[in-house]
């Protein structure tokens, strides 16, 4: 694929997401567009600066990075 093909895919993915959100009522649309934690679903606006992700496993992360 060329750069323009990736751009085309990205643009159409964004347009599809907008179309999907427009089917919702205003309240659900705003909740759907809100950034949320992929694990617990908590809104990003409630994250404190420097907060710790309790679902993050440092041991697994280090294993994936090739550290002993």
C-alpha atoms as a PDB file:
ATOM      1  CA  UNK A   1       0.000   0.000   0.000  1.00  0.00           C
ATOM      2  CA  UNK A   2       1.091   3.529  -0.661  1.00  0.00           C
ATOM      3  CA  UNK A   3       0.840   6.520   1.651  1.00  0.00           C
ATOM      4  CA  UNK A   4      -2.291   7.760  -0.082  1.00  0.00           C
ATOM      5  CA  UNK A   5      -3.974   4.386   0.524  1.00  0.00           C
ATOM      6  CA  UNK A   6      -3.301   4.615   4.259  1.00  0.00           C
ATOM      7  CA  UNK A   7      -4.627   8.172   4.276  1.00  0.00           C
ATOM      8  CA  UNK A   8      -7.779   7.061   2.437  1.00  0.00           C
ATOM      9  CA  UNK A   9      -8.347   4.300   5.021  1.00  0.00           C
ATOM     10  CA  UNK A  10      -7.807   6.683   7.925  1.00  0.00           C
ATOM     11  CA  UNK A  11     -10.173   9.317   6.559  1.00  0.00           C
ATOM     12  CA  UNK A  12     -12.910   6.792   5.866  1.00  0.00           C
ATOM     13  CA  UNK A  13     -12.517   5.217   9.297  1.00  0.00           C
ATOM     14  CA  UNK A  14     -13.010   8.648  10.885  1.00  0.00           C
ATOM     15  CA  UNK A  15     -16.030   9.335   8.680  1.00  0.00           C
ATOM     16  CA  UNK A  16     -17.557   5.966   9.587  1.00  0.00           C
ATOM     17  CA  UNK A  17     -17.120   6.756  13.285  1.00  0.00           C
ATOM     18  CA  UNK A  18     -18.857  10.116  12.828  1.00  0.00           C
ATOM     19  CA  UNK A  19     -21.747   8.420  11.015  1.00  0.00           C
ATOM     20  CA  UNK A  20     -22.020   5.869  13.804  1.00  0.00           C
ATOM     21  CA  UNK A  21     -22.147   8.578  16.489  1.00  0.00           C
ATOM     22  CA  UNK A  22     -24.830  10.528  14.611  1.00  0.00           C
ATOM     23  CA  UNK A  23     -27.266   7.641  15.081  1.00  0.00           C
ATOM     24  CA  UNK A  24     -27.227   8.157  18.862  1.00  0.00           C
ATOM     25  CA  UNK A  25     -29.263  10.588  20.933  1.00  0.00           C
ATOM     26  CA  UNK A  26     -27.311  13.694  22.066  1.00  0.00           C
ATOM     27  CA  UNK A  27     -26.545  12.278  25.523  1.00  0.00           C
ATOM     28  CA  UNK A  28     -25.269   8.938  24.187  1.00  0.00           C
ATOM     29  CA  UNK A  29     -23.363  10.723  21.425  1.00  0.00           C
ATOM     30  CA  UNK A  30     -21.422  12.801  23.955  1.00  0.00           C
ATOM     31  CA  UNK A  31     -20.690   9.684  26.034  1.00  0.00           C
ATOM     32  CA  UNK A  32     -19.578   7.805  22.905  1.00  0.00           C
ATOM     33  CA  UNK A  33     -17.187  10.566  21.885  1.00  0.00           C
ATOM     34  CA  UNK A  34     -15.685  10.780  25.374  1.00  0.00           C
ATOM     35  CA  UNK A  35     -12.208   9.345  25.910  1.00  0.00           C
ATOM     36  CA  UNK A  36     -12.374   6.426  28.325  1.00  0.00           C
ATOM     37  CA  UNK A  37     -10.064   3.879  29.892  1.00  0.00           C
ATOM     38  CA  UNK A  38     -10.089   0.738  27.710  1.00  0.00           C
ATOM     39  CA  UNK A  39     -10.015  -1.489  30.813  1.00  0.00           C
ATOM     40  CA  UNK A  40     -12.442  -0.027  33.363  1.00  0.00           C
ATOM     41  CA  UNK A  41     -14.356   2.466  31.185  1.00  0.00           C
ATOM     42  CA  UNK A  42     -13.763   5.408  33.532  1.00  0.00           C
ATOM     43  CA  UNK A  43     -13.887   8.788  31.715  1.00  0.00           C
ATOM     44  CA  UNK A  44     -10.487  10.384  31.040  1.00  0.00           C
ATOM     45  CA  UNK A  45     -11.702  13.594  32.668  1.00  0.00           C
ATOM     46  CA  UNK A  46     -11.676  11.803  36.051  1.00  0.00           C
ATOM     47  CA  UNK A  47      -8.048  10.687  35.718  1.00  0.00           C
ATOM     48  CA  UNK A  48      -5.791  12.573  38.090  1.00  0.00           C
ATOM     49  CA  UNK A  49      -2.451  13.913  36.870  1.00  0.00           C
ATOM     50  CA  UNK A  50       0.127  11.190  37.442  1.00  0.00           C
ATOM     51  CA  UNK A  51      -2.497   8.623  38.387  1.00  0.00           C
ATOM     52  CA  UNK A  52      -1.592   4.951  38.333  1.00  0.00           C
ATOM     53  CA  UNK A  53      -3.273   2.447  36.049  1.00  0.00           C
ATOM     54  CA  UNK A  54      -4.143  -0.384  38.448  1.00  0.00           C
ATOM     55  CA  UNK A  55      -4.605  -2.853  35.585  1.00  0.00           C
ATOM     56  CA  UNK A  56      -1.066  -2.266  34.254  1.00  0.00           C
ATOM     57  CA  UNK A  57       1.246  -5.218  34.912  1.00  0.00           C
ATOM     58  CA  UNK A  58       4.880  -4.053  34.945  1.00  0.00           C
ATOM     59  CA  UNK A  59       6.171  -7.638  35.017  1.00  0.00           C
ATOM     60  CA  UNK A  60       4.337  -8.543  31.793  1.00  0.00           C
ATOM     61  CA  UNK A  61       5.465  -5.276  30.220  1.00  0.00           C
ATOM     62  CA  UNK A  62       9.098  -5.999  31.004  1.00  0.00           C
ATOM     63  CA  UNK A  63       8.774  -9.556  29.663  1.00  0.00           C
ATOM     64  CA  UNK A  64       7.356  -8.190  26.419  1.00  0.00           C
ATOM     65  CA  UNK A  65      10.239  -5.725  26.187  1.00  0.00           C
ATOM     66  CA  UNK A  66      12.738  -8.592  26.403  1.00  0.00           C
ATOM     67  CA  UNK A  67      13.967  -7.819  29.913  1.00  0.00           C
ATOM     68  CA  UNK A  68      14.617 -10.741  32.306  1.00  0.00           C
END
